[in-house]
Amino acid sequence: MKKPNSIKPADGKLAVLLPGLGAVATTAIAGTMLARRGLAPPVGSLTQMGTIRLGPRKTARSPKISEVIPLATMNDVVFGGWDIFPENGYEAALDADVLERRHLDAVKEELEGVRPMKAVFDPAYVKRLNGTHVKNGKTKADLVEQVRQDIREFKKQNDATRAVAVWCGSTEVYLEPTAVHESIKSFEKGLFDNDPQIASSQIYAWACMLEDVPFANGAPNLTVDFPAAWELARERHVPIAGKDFKTGQTLMKTVLAPGLKARMLGVKGWFSTNILGNRDGEVLDDPGSFKSKEVSKLGSLETIFQPHLYPELYGDIFHKVRIEYYPPRGDAKEGWDNIDIFGWLGYPMQIKIDFLCRDSILAAPIVLDLALFMDFAQRAGLRGTQEWLSFYFKSPMAAPGLTPEHDLFIQQKKLKNTIRYLVGEELITHLGAEYYD
């Protein structure tokens, strides 16, 4: 990462474009509208509520992050997006049934103004949904051009100087990189050839990068995590990040697992199950989409515990993840974990967690933060994979051959030290030797 000579100011309106105007997106949009009117607090948002220590402890300098780096304000943000259903933001939020009517009605007129553009959608990649508000094109290259035109028109109509995209759509079936993903040339040929390995989310991402729009991937899809996307992002000087918002159960894992490892407590097994009834739960009822989510959710423990370094403690963990679609629960997801641990002399113990969370309430501030941080990254001259934003993802992207960091506290330190580095402040190591020697 190259330190910028200067960081461009956040002048003008910022278009925040969300592929997928479902529960997560409408909760983020409505919440931002409420917060900027002072009607509800933006709890969970680092960009709005977080502070950052600058300099030695004795100086007690801990300004808000938004006072240290030039972020767009909530008042600068104008929301748009695409969806496979034509309902406006207010109607979609009512259907999602996450926020209470008192909150939605307070910003009803503004929410009604968020009207989705027709979506790029192929049921081959999300098998439990059937969209009616979708684009048509002879080739996937045609669809890329249609999305690019959408971006240009939205920015013009809303007088936006910049745009950023955050994927809030459904989990697609599991895909691994193939020959079509190896280079810009091979990917562009695949677009014209309608290659089946190019999913809908990749069409959005490709269009955004060609329009110099930073793209963050909130699902476990392949979307921007393949060589051609890395190459295009660096060539176009566009930041990309992903993947899969770190919300309920995985958030708990990346909090608890580092604590167990720090105290050298062993783990025999970790069984995780989820029940949820929103559109995400319905999509994940398909084995192909569940496979994508399973791979994302399974990756954190092995990386945190490093069983190759601590085989006696973590070399034989039985880690299992289940997700069950249960319509009565709606967006109020329940994540239940049973953890079999052992301590001194190998004596067994158990930890049980029952996290009665609200999936979209946890994801909404992530959407806002990623939009503002990705916009900042571009104005700071950063390009390609933004590993410093791993804090927000279940399956964070990293440079090829580099093991991603999953420990939430290391991720937080990396995020804040990146901010310090970019603005020329001293990095915080927490050594503290100057106070004693």
Protein backbone atom coordinates (compact mmCIF):
# COMPACT_ATOMS: atom_id res chain seq x y z
CA MET A 1 0.00 0.00 0.00
CA LYS A 2 1.46 3.32 -1.10
CA LYS A 3 0.98 6.30 1.17
CA PRO A 4 -0.92 9.00 -0.75
CA ASN A 5 0.60 12.40 -1.34
CA SER A 6 -2.85 13.81 -0.75
CA ILE A 7 -6.38 12.53 -0.20
CA LYS A 8 -9.09 14.08 -2.34
CA PRO A 9 -11.90 15.73 -0.39
CA ALA A 10 -15.37 14.17 -0.25
CA ASP A 11 -17.00 16.90 -2.34
CA GLY A 12 -20.47 16.46 -3.76
CA LYS A 13 -23.01 13.66 -3.52
CA LEU A 14 -22.05 10.00 -3.25
CA ALA A 15 -24.25 7.47 -5.06
CA VAL A 16 -24.47 4.26 -3.03
CA LEU A 17 -25.64 1.55 -5.42
CA LEU A 18 -26.93 -1.70 -3.94
CA PRO A 19 -27.54 -4.77 -6.10
CA GLY A 20 -30.39 -6.43 -4.20
CA LEU A 21 -32.95 -4.18 -2.45
CA GLY A 22 -34.08 -6.77 0.07
CA ALA A 23 -34.01 -6.87 3.86
CA VAL A 24 -30.37 -5.85 4.35
CA ALA A 25 -30.40 -3.04 1.80
CA THR A 26 -33.72 -1.49 2.84
CA THR A 27 -32.73 -1.67 6.51
CA ALA A 28 -29.46 0.12 5.70
CA ILE A 29 -31.22 2.74 3.57
CA ALA A 30 -34.03 3.44 6.03
CA GLY A 31 -31.61 3.47 8.95
CA THR A 32 -29.36 6.01 7.27
CA MET A 33 -32.35 8.22 6.46
CA LEU A 34 -33.51 8.04 10.08
CA ALA A 35 -30.04 8.65 11.51
CA ARG A 36 -29.32 11.70 9.38
CA ARG A 37 -32.59 13.24 10.57
CA GLY A 38 -31.64 12.53 14.17
CA LEU A 39 -34.58 10.14 14.61
CA ALA A 40 -32.52 7.05 15.57
CA PRO A 41 -28.87 6.38 16.46
CA PRO A 42 -26.55 4.68 13.90
CA VAL A 43 -25.50 1.96 16.38
CA GLY A 44 -22.96 -0.49 14.99
CA SER A 45 -21.42 1.96 12.52
CA LEU A 46 -17.70 2.57 12.97
CA THR A 47 -17.75 5.50 10.55
CA GLN A 48 -20.47 7.27 12.56
CA MET A 49 -19.67 6.34 16.17
CA GLY A 50 -16.14 4.92 16.25
CA THR A 51 -13.08 6.72 17.62
CA ILE A 52 -9.38 6.22 16.93
CA ARG A 53 -6.47 6.77 19.28
CA LEU A 54 -3.74 9.03 17.89
CA GLY A 55 -0.32 9.32 19.50
CA PRO A 56 0.79 8.19 22.99
CA ARG A 57 -1.74 7.18 25.64
CA LYS A 58 -0.76 10.12 27.79
CA THR A 59 -1.98 12.64 25.22
CA ALA A 60 -5.51 11.18 25.32
CA ARG A 61 -6.24 12.00 21.67
CA SER A 62 -9.18 9.87 20.56
CA PRO A 63 -11.16 11.77 17.95
CA LYS A 64 -13.92 10.23 15.91
CA ILE A 65 -12.72 8.41 12.79
CA SER A 66 -14.85 10.79 10.73
CA GLU A 67 -12.83 13.69 12.16
CA VAL A 68 -9.52 12.14 11.06
CA ILE A 69 -10.24 11.10 7.48
CA PRO A 70 -12.45 12.88 4.94
CA LEU A 71 -15.49 10.63 4.75
CA ALA A 72 -18.68 11.46 2.91
CA THR A 73 -21.38 12.34 5.42
CA MET A 74 -24.74 10.61 5.64
CA ASN A 75 -26.27 13.77 4.16
CA ASP A 76 -24.07 13.33 1.07
CA VAL A 77 -25.40 9.85 0.34
CA VAL A 78 -28.06 9.11 -2.28
CA PHE A 79 -29.24 5.51 -2.55
CA GLY A 80 -30.04 3.48 -5.63
CA GLY A 81 -29.89 -0.11 -6.71
CA TRP A 82 -31.23 -3.02 -8.67
CA ASP A 83 -33.72 -5.72 -7.74
CA ILE A 84 -35.59 -8.61 -9.36
CA PHE A 85 -38.87 -7.20 -7.96
CA PRO A 86 -40.21 -3.72 -8.88
CA GLU A 87 -41.36 -2.58 -5.41
CA ASN A 88 -39.94 0.74 -4.21
CA GLY A 89 -37.83 1.05 -1.07
CA TYR A 90 -40.81 1.57 1.25
CA GLU A 91 -42.77 -1.37 -0.16
CA ALA A 92 -39.71 -3.62 -0.09
CA ALA A 93 -38.96 -2.65 3.52
CA LEU A 94 -42.55 -3.45 4.54
CA ASP A 95 -42.25 -6.82 2.85
CA ALA A 96 -38.90 -7.52 4.56
CA ASP A 97 -40.58 -6.89 7.93
CA VAL A 98 -37.40 -5.90 9.75
CA LEU A 99 -38.15 -2.34 10.89
CA GLU A 100 -41.29 -1.22 12.68
CA ARG A 101 -43.86 0.89 10.86
CA ARG A 102 -43.11 3.88 13.10
CA HIS A 103 -39.58 3.95 11.67
CA LEU A 104 -40.56 3.27 8.07
CA ASP A 105 -43.41 5.80 8.08
CA ALA A 106 -41.07 8.50 9.41
CA VAL A 107 -39.09 8.32 6.15
CA LYS A 108 -41.84 6.95 3.89
CA GLU A 109 -41.68 9.58 1.18
CA GLU A 110 -37.91 9.38 0.92
CA LEU A 111 -37.98 5.57 0.85
CA GLU A 112 -40.63 5.57 -1.87
CA GLY A 113 -38.20 7.56 -4.00
CA VAL A 114 -35.79 4.60 -4.06
CA ARG A 115 -37.01 2.71 -7.12
CA PRO A 116 -34.98 -0.30 -8.22
CA MET A 117 -33.52 -0.55 -11.67
CA LYS A 118 -34.11 -3.82 -13.51
CA ALA A 119 -31.78 -6.51 -12.24
CA VAL A 120 -29.32 -8.84 -13.91
CA PHE A 121 -30.69 -12.20 -12.83
CA ASP A 122 -30.34 -15.82 -13.88
CA PRO A 123 -32.15 -18.46 -11.77
CA ALA A 124 -29.34 -20.91 -12.56
CA TYR A 125 -27.29 -19.12 -9.86
CA VAL A 126 -30.06 -18.47 -7.30
CA LYS A 127 -32.51 -21.34 -7.70
CA ARG A 128 -35.12 -20.48 -5.07
CA LEU A 129 -36.06 -17.09 -6.52
CA ASN A 130 -37.94 -16.05 -9.65
CA GLY A 131 -37.65 -12.41 -10.62
CA THR A 132 -40.08 -10.37 -12.71
CA HIS A 133 -38.08 -7.13 -12.91
CA VAL A 134 -35.06 -8.29 -14.90
CA LYS A 135 -32.90 -7.24 -17.82
CA ASN A 136 -32.69 -9.02 -21.15
CA GLY A 137 -29.61 -9.27 -23.33
CA LYS A 138 -28.28 -11.54 -26.02
CA THR A 139 -24.97 -11.88 -24.20
CA LYS A 140 -23.57 -11.26 -20.76
CA ALA A 141 -21.48 -8.53 -22.37
CA ASP A 142 -24.76 -6.81 -23.29
CA LEU A 143 -25.83 -6.98 -19.65
CA VAL A 144 -22.55 -5.42 -18.51
CA GLU A 145 -23.20 -2.49 -20.83
CA GLN A 146 -26.76 -2.11 -19.53
CA VAL A 147 -25.51 -1.93 -15.93
CA ARG A 148 -22.85 0.60 -16.94
CA GLN A 149 -25.56 2.75 -18.51
CA ASP A 150 -27.64 2.47 -15.33
CA ILE A 151 -24.70 3.79 -13.31
CA ARG A 152 -24.12 6.74 -15.62
CA GLU A 153 -27.79 7.69 -15.68
CA PHE A 154 -28.22 7.36 -11.92
CA LYS A 155 -25.24 9.61 -11.21
CA LYS A 156 -26.48 12.18 -13.72
CA GLN A 157 -30.08 12.18 -12.47
CA ASN A 158 -28.97 12.52 -8.84
CA ASP A 159 -26.13 14.98 -9.44
CA ALA A 160 -23.65 12.55 -7.85
CA THR A 161 -19.94 13.18 -8.33
CA ARG A 162 -18.92 9.65 -7.30
CA ALA A 163 -20.44 6.21 -6.82
CA VAL A 164 -19.73 3.07 -4.84
CA ALA A 165 -21.45 -0.35 -4.94
CA VAL A 166 -22.11 -2.84 -2.13
CA TRP A 167 -23.56 -6.25 -3.05
CA CYS A 168 -26.64 -6.91 -0.90
CA GLY A 169 -28.12 -9.60 -3.14
CA SER A 170 -28.61 -13.28 -2.50
CA THR A 171 -26.01 -16.01 -2.11
CA GLU A 172 -25.30 -17.62 -5.47
CA VAL A 173 -24.48 -21.28 -6.06
CA TYR A 174 -20.93 -22.30 -5.26
CA LEU A 175 -18.44 -21.54 -8.04
CA GLU A 176 -14.68 -21.90 -8.18
CA PRO A 177 -12.42 -19.92 -10.53
CA THR A 178 -11.98 -21.50 -13.95
CA ALA A 179 -10.08 -20.60 -17.11
CA VAL A 180 -12.55 -17.80 -17.90
CA HIS A 181 -11.56 -16.03 -14.67
CA GLU A 182 -7.81 -16.05 -15.34
CA SER A 183 -7.40 -12.73 -17.14
CA ILE A 184 -9.26 -9.67 -18.40
CA LYS A 185 -9.02 -11.04 -21.93
CA SER A 186 -10.46 -14.46 -21.04
CA PHE A 187 -13.23 -12.94 -18.92
CA GLU A 188 -14.31 -10.51 -21.62
CA LYS A 189 -14.39 -13.35 -24.14
CA GLY A 190 -16.52 -15.32 -21.66
CA LEU A 191 -18.98 -12.43 -21.45
CA PHE A 192 -19.51 -12.52 -25.21
CA ASP A 193 -19.69 -16.33 -25.17
CA ASN A 194 -22.23 -16.42 -22.29
CA ASP A 195 -19.88 -18.61 -20.27
CA PRO A 196 -21.92 -20.40 -17.56
CA GLN A 197 -19.14 -19.83 -15.02
CA ILE A 198 -19.85 -16.08 -15.08
CA ALA A 199 -22.59 -15.47 -12.51
CA SER A 200 -24.88 -12.45 -12.23
CA SER A 201 -22.91 -10.83 -9.40
CA GLN A 202 -19.76 -10.88 -11.55
CA ILE A 203 -21.61 -8.95 -14.27
CA TYR A 204 -22.45 -6.19 -11.78
CA ALA A 205 -18.91 -6.09 -10.43
CA TRP A 206 -17.34 -5.97 -13.90
CA ALA A 207 -19.63 -3.13 -14.94
CA CYS A 208 -18.86 -1.19 -11.77
CA MET A 209 -15.11 -1.54 -12.17
CA LEU A 210 -15.31 -0.40 -15.80
CA GLU A 211 -17.18 2.68 -14.52
CA ASP A 212 -14.49 3.24 -11.84
CA VAL A 213 -16.98 2.41 -9.08
CA PRO A 214 -15.52 0.67 -5.98
CA PHE A 215 -17.24 -2.65 -5.28
CA ALA A 216 -17.68 -4.46 -1.94
CA ASN A 217 -19.14 -7.98 -1.94
CA GLY A 218 -21.48 -8.75 0.96
CA ALA A 219 -22.16 -12.39 -0.02
CA PRO A 220 -19.89 -15.46 -0.28
CA ASN A 221 -20.10 -15.35 -4.08
CA LEU A 222 -17.02 -15.44 -6.30
CA THR A 223 -18.01 -11.91 -7.51
CA VAL A 224 -14.61 -10.09 -7.34
CA ASP A 225 -12.37 -12.78 -5.87
CA PHE A 226 -10.63 -14.09 -9.00
CA PRO A 227 -7.54 -13.07 -11.03
CA ALA A 228 -9.32 -11.18 -13.82
CA ALA A 229 -11.17 -9.01 -11.29
CA TRP A 230 -7.97 -8.32 -9.34
CA GLU A 231 -6.25 -7.36 -12.60
CA LEU A 232 -9.05 -5.05 -13.75
CA ALA A 233 -9.33 -3.39 -10.32
CA ARG A 234 -5.63 -2.57 -10.31
CA GLU A 235 -5.66 -1.45 -13.95
CA ARG A 236 -8.65 0.86 -13.37
CA HIS A 237 -7.37 1.98 -9.92
CA VAL A 238 -10.61 0.78 -8.30
CA PRO A 239 -10.86 -0.61 -4.74
CA ILE A 240 -12.58 -3.98 -4.29
CA ALA A 241 -13.36 -5.88 -1.09
CA GLY A 242 -15.17 -8.97 0.17
CA LYS A 243 -16.58 -11.30 0.92
CA ASP A 244 -19.73 -12.12 2.94
CA PHE A 245 -20.82 -9.68 5.68
CA LYS A 246 -19.60 -10.77 9.12
CA THR A 247 -22.80 -10.53 11.15
CA GLY A 248 -24.21 -13.11 13.58
CA GLN A 249 -22.64 -16.47 14.26
CA THR A 250 -19.32 -15.85 12.53
CA LEU A 251 -18.97 -12.55 14.38
CA MET A 252 -19.25 -14.51 17.63
CA LYS A 253 -16.69 -17.06 16.42
CA THR A 254 -14.13 -14.40 15.56
CA VAL A 255 -14.61 -12.86 19.00
CA LEU A 256 -14.52 -16.06 21.07
CA ALA A 257 -11.98 -18.19 19.18
CA PRO A 258 -9.12 -15.65 19.61
CA GLY A 259 -9.82 -15.63 23.36
CA LEU A 260 -9.61 -19.41 23.64
CA LYS A 261 -6.41 -19.46 21.62
CA ALA A 262 -4.88 -16.61 23.65
CA ARG A 263 -5.26 -18.74 26.81
CA MET A 264 -4.12 -21.94 25.03
CA LEU A 265 -7.40 -23.72 25.72
CA GLY A 266 -8.02 -26.68 23.43
CA VAL A 267 -11.07 -27.28 21.25
CA LYS A 268 -12.44 -30.71 20.32
CA GLY A 269 -15.55 -29.68 18.45
CA TRP A 270 -17.62 -26.68 17.34
CA PHE A 271 -21.15 -27.32 16.15
CA SER A 272 -23.06 -24.37 14.71
CA THR A 273 -26.64 -24.23 13.53
CA ASN A 274 -28.79 -21.35 12.33
CA ILE A 275 -32.50 -20.91 11.79
CA LEU A 276 -33.86 -17.98 9.82
CA GLY A 277 -36.90 -17.25 7.75
CA ASN A 278 -36.09 -14.32 5.48
CA ARG A 279 -35.31 -14.40 1.76
CA ASP A 280 -31.72 -15.31 2.62
CA GLY A 281 -32.95 -18.40 4.46
CA GLU A 282 -35.11 -19.40 1.51
CA VAL A 283 -32.19 -19.05 -0.91
CA LEU A 284 -29.86 -21.00 1.38
CA ASP A 285 -32.34 -23.87 1.43
CA ASP A 286 -30.88 -24.73 -1.97
CA PRO A 287 -27.81 -27.01 -1.60
CA GLY A 288 -25.78 -25.06 -4.17
CA SER A 289 -26.22 -21.72 -2.39
CA PHE A 290 -25.71 -23.37 1.01
CA LYS A 291 -22.36 -24.71 -0.22
CA SER A 292 -21.17 -21.14 -0.87
CA LYS A 293 -22.23 -20.05 2.63
CA GLU A 294 -20.81 -23.18 4.28
CA VAL A 295 -17.37 -22.63 2.78
CA SER A 296 -17.46 -19.01 3.95
CA LYS A 297 -18.52 -19.88 7.51
CA LEU A 298 -16.10 -22.79 7.94
CA GLY A 299 -12.94 -20.86 7.09
CA SER A 300 -12.55 -18.68 10.17
CA LEU A 301 -11.73 -21.24 12.88
CA GLU A 302 -8.88 -23.01 11.10
CA THR A 303 -7.21 -19.72 10.26
CA ILE A 304 -7.54 -18.39 13.82
CA PHE A 305 -6.53 -21.60 15.63
CA GLN A 306 -3.59 -22.49 13.32
CA PRO A 307 -3.77 -26.26 13.96
CA HIS A 308 -0.46 -26.80 12.15
CA LEU A 309 1.22 -24.82 14.95
CA TYR A 310 -0.88 -26.21 17.81
CA PRO A 311 -1.79 -29.79 16.84
CA GLU A 312 -2.37 -30.88 20.47
CA LEU A 313 -4.95 -28.15 20.99
CA TYR A 314 -6.65 -27.75 17.62
CA GLY A 315 -5.39 -30.52 15.34
CA ASP A 316 -8.53 -32.62 15.52
CA ILE A 317 -11.45 -30.16 15.69
CA PHE A 318 -14.80 -31.42 14.43
CA HIS A 319 -16.38 -28.27 12.94
CA LYS A 320 -19.89 -28.50 11.52
CA VAL A 321 -22.23 -25.78 10.24
CA ARG A 322 -25.95 -26.06 9.50
CA ILE A 323 -28.47 -23.50 8.22
CA GLU A 324 -32.20 -24.26 8.37
CA TYR A 325 -34.95 -22.29 6.65
CA TYR A 326 -37.70 -21.65 9.21
CA PRO A 327 -40.23 -19.07 7.93
CA PRO A 328 -41.86 -18.17 11.30
CA ARG A 329 -38.57 -16.64 12.52
CA GLY A 330 -38.36 -14.09 9.69
CA ASP A 331 -35.29 -11.87 9.92
CA ALA A 332 -34.81 -12.65 13.62
CA LYS A 333 -32.14 -15.29 13.09
CA GLU A 334 -31.05 -17.65 15.85
CA GLY A 335 -27.46 -18.86 15.86
CA TRP A 336 -26.74 -21.68 18.29
CA ASP A 337 -23.22 -22.95 19.04
CA ASN A 338 -22.06 -25.90 21.10
CA ILE A 339 -18.31 -25.77 21.74
CA ASP A 340 -16.45 -28.67 23.36
CA ILE A 341 -13.23 -27.36 24.87
CA PHE A 342 -10.59 -28.78 27.21
CA GLY A 343 -8.21 -27.26 29.70
CA TRP A 344 -5.50 -28.14 32.20
CA LEU A 345 -4.58 -31.86 32.05
CA GLY A 346 -7.10 -32.32 29.25
CA TYR A 347 -10.22 -31.99 31.40
CA PRO A 348 -13.31 -31.30 29.23
CA MET A 349 -15.60 -28.27 29.45
CA GLN A 350 -18.38 -26.82 27.30
CA ILE A 351 -19.49 -23.42 26.08
CA LYS A 352 -22.97 -22.86 24.68
CA ILE A 353 -24.04 -19.72 22.85
CA ASP A 354 -27.57 -18.90 21.74
CA PHE A 355 -27.41 -15.65 19.78
CA LEU A 356 -30.94 -14.37 19.14
CA CYS A 357 -29.88 -11.79 16.61
CA ARG A 358 -31.45 -9.73 13.86
CA ASP A 359 -29.54 -10.41 10.71
CA SER A 360 -30.30 -7.21 8.81
CA ILE A 361 -29.86 -5.02 11.92
CA LEU A 362 -26.29 -6.35 12.20
CA ALA A 363 -25.62 -6.05 8.47
CA ALA A 364 -27.05 -2.56 7.87
CA PRO A 365 -24.24 -0.55 9.52
CA ILE A 366 -21.71 -2.69 7.62
CA VAL A 367 -23.29 -1.57 4.35
CA LEU A 368 -22.97 2.10 5.32
CA ASP A 369 -19.41 1.72 6.61
CA LEU A 370 -18.21 -0.16 3.54
CA ALA A 371 -19.75 2.42 1.22
CA LEU A 372 -18.02 5.29 3.02
CA PHE A 373 -14.68 3.53 3.53
CA MET A 374 -14.52 2.27 -0.07
CA ASP A 375 -15.23 5.77 -1.36
CA PHE A 376 -12.48 7.08 0.92
CA ALA A 377 -10.09 4.39 -0.31
CA GLN A 378 -10.54 5.50 -3.89
CA ARG A 379 -10.01 9.15 -3.03
CA ALA A 380 -6.84 8.10 -1.17
CA GLY A 381 -5.53 6.44 -4.35
CA LEU A 382 -5.89 2.85 -3.13
CA ARG A 383 -6.69 0.14 -5.65
CA GLY A 384 -7.38 -3.59 -5.79
CA THR A 385 -8.16 -5.71 -2.74
CA GLN A 386 -8.70 -3.67 0.43
CA GLU A 387 -7.57 -6.17 3.05
CA TRP A 388 -7.76 -3.49 5.75
CA LEU A 389 -11.56 -3.86 5.54
CA SER A 390 -11.44 -7.58 6.47
CA PHE A 391 -13.05 -6.50 9.75
CA TYR A 392 -16.42 -6.59 7.97
CA PHE A 393 -16.22 -9.97 6.23
CA LYS A 394 -16.66 -13.66 7.06
CA SER A 395 -14.31 -14.76 4.29
CA PRO A 396 -11.96 -11.82 3.76
CA MET A 397 -10.05 -11.43 0.52
CA ALA A 398 -6.27 -11.14 0.59
CA ALA A 399 -3.40 -11.06 -1.87
CA PRO A 400 -2.79 -14.34 -3.77
CA GLY A 401 -0.88 -16.80 -1.61
CA LEU A 402 -1.51 -14.81 1.56
CA THR A 403 -3.52 -16.32 4.41
CA PRO A 404 -6.36 -13.92 5.31
CA GLU A 405 -6.70 -12.72 8.90
CA HIS A 406 -9.94 -13.70 10.67
CA ASP A 407 -9.28 -12.59 14.27
CA LEU A 408 -11.68 -9.65 14.79
CA PHE A 409 -9.25 -7.80 17.06
CA ILE A 410 -6.31 -8.11 14.66
CA GLN A 411 -8.64 -6.99 11.88
CA GLN A 412 -9.66 -3.94 13.92
CA LYS A 413 -6.02 -3.08 14.64
CA LYS A 414 -5.22 -3.37 10.92
CA LEU A 415 -8.14 -1.13 9.97
CA LYS A 416 -7.19 1.59 12.42
CA ASN A 417 -3.46 1.39 11.69
CA THR A 418 -4.24 1.72 7.98
CA ILE A 419 -6.12 4.94 8.73
CA ARG A 420 -3.21 6.20 10.85
CA TYR A 421 -0.75 5.33 8.08
CA LEU A 422 -2.76 7.07 5.37
CA VAL A 423 -3.00 10.33 7.34
CA GLY A 424 0.62 10.29 8.51
CA GLU A 425 0.00 9.42 12.17
CA GLU A 426 2.21 7.07 14.21
CA LEU A 427 1.13 3.42 14.12
CA ILE A 428 -0.02 2.01 17.46
CA THR A 429 1.83 -1.14 18.59
CA HIS A 430 0.68 -1.10 22.24
CA LEU A 431 4.29 -1.79 23.28
CA GLY A 432 4.33 1.06 25.77
CA ALA A 433 8.04 0.74 26.56
CA GLU A 434 8.43 4.54 26.64
CA TYR A 435 6.41 4.67 29.86
CA TYR A 436 8.81 2.40 31.77
CA ASP A 437 12.33 2.69 30.31
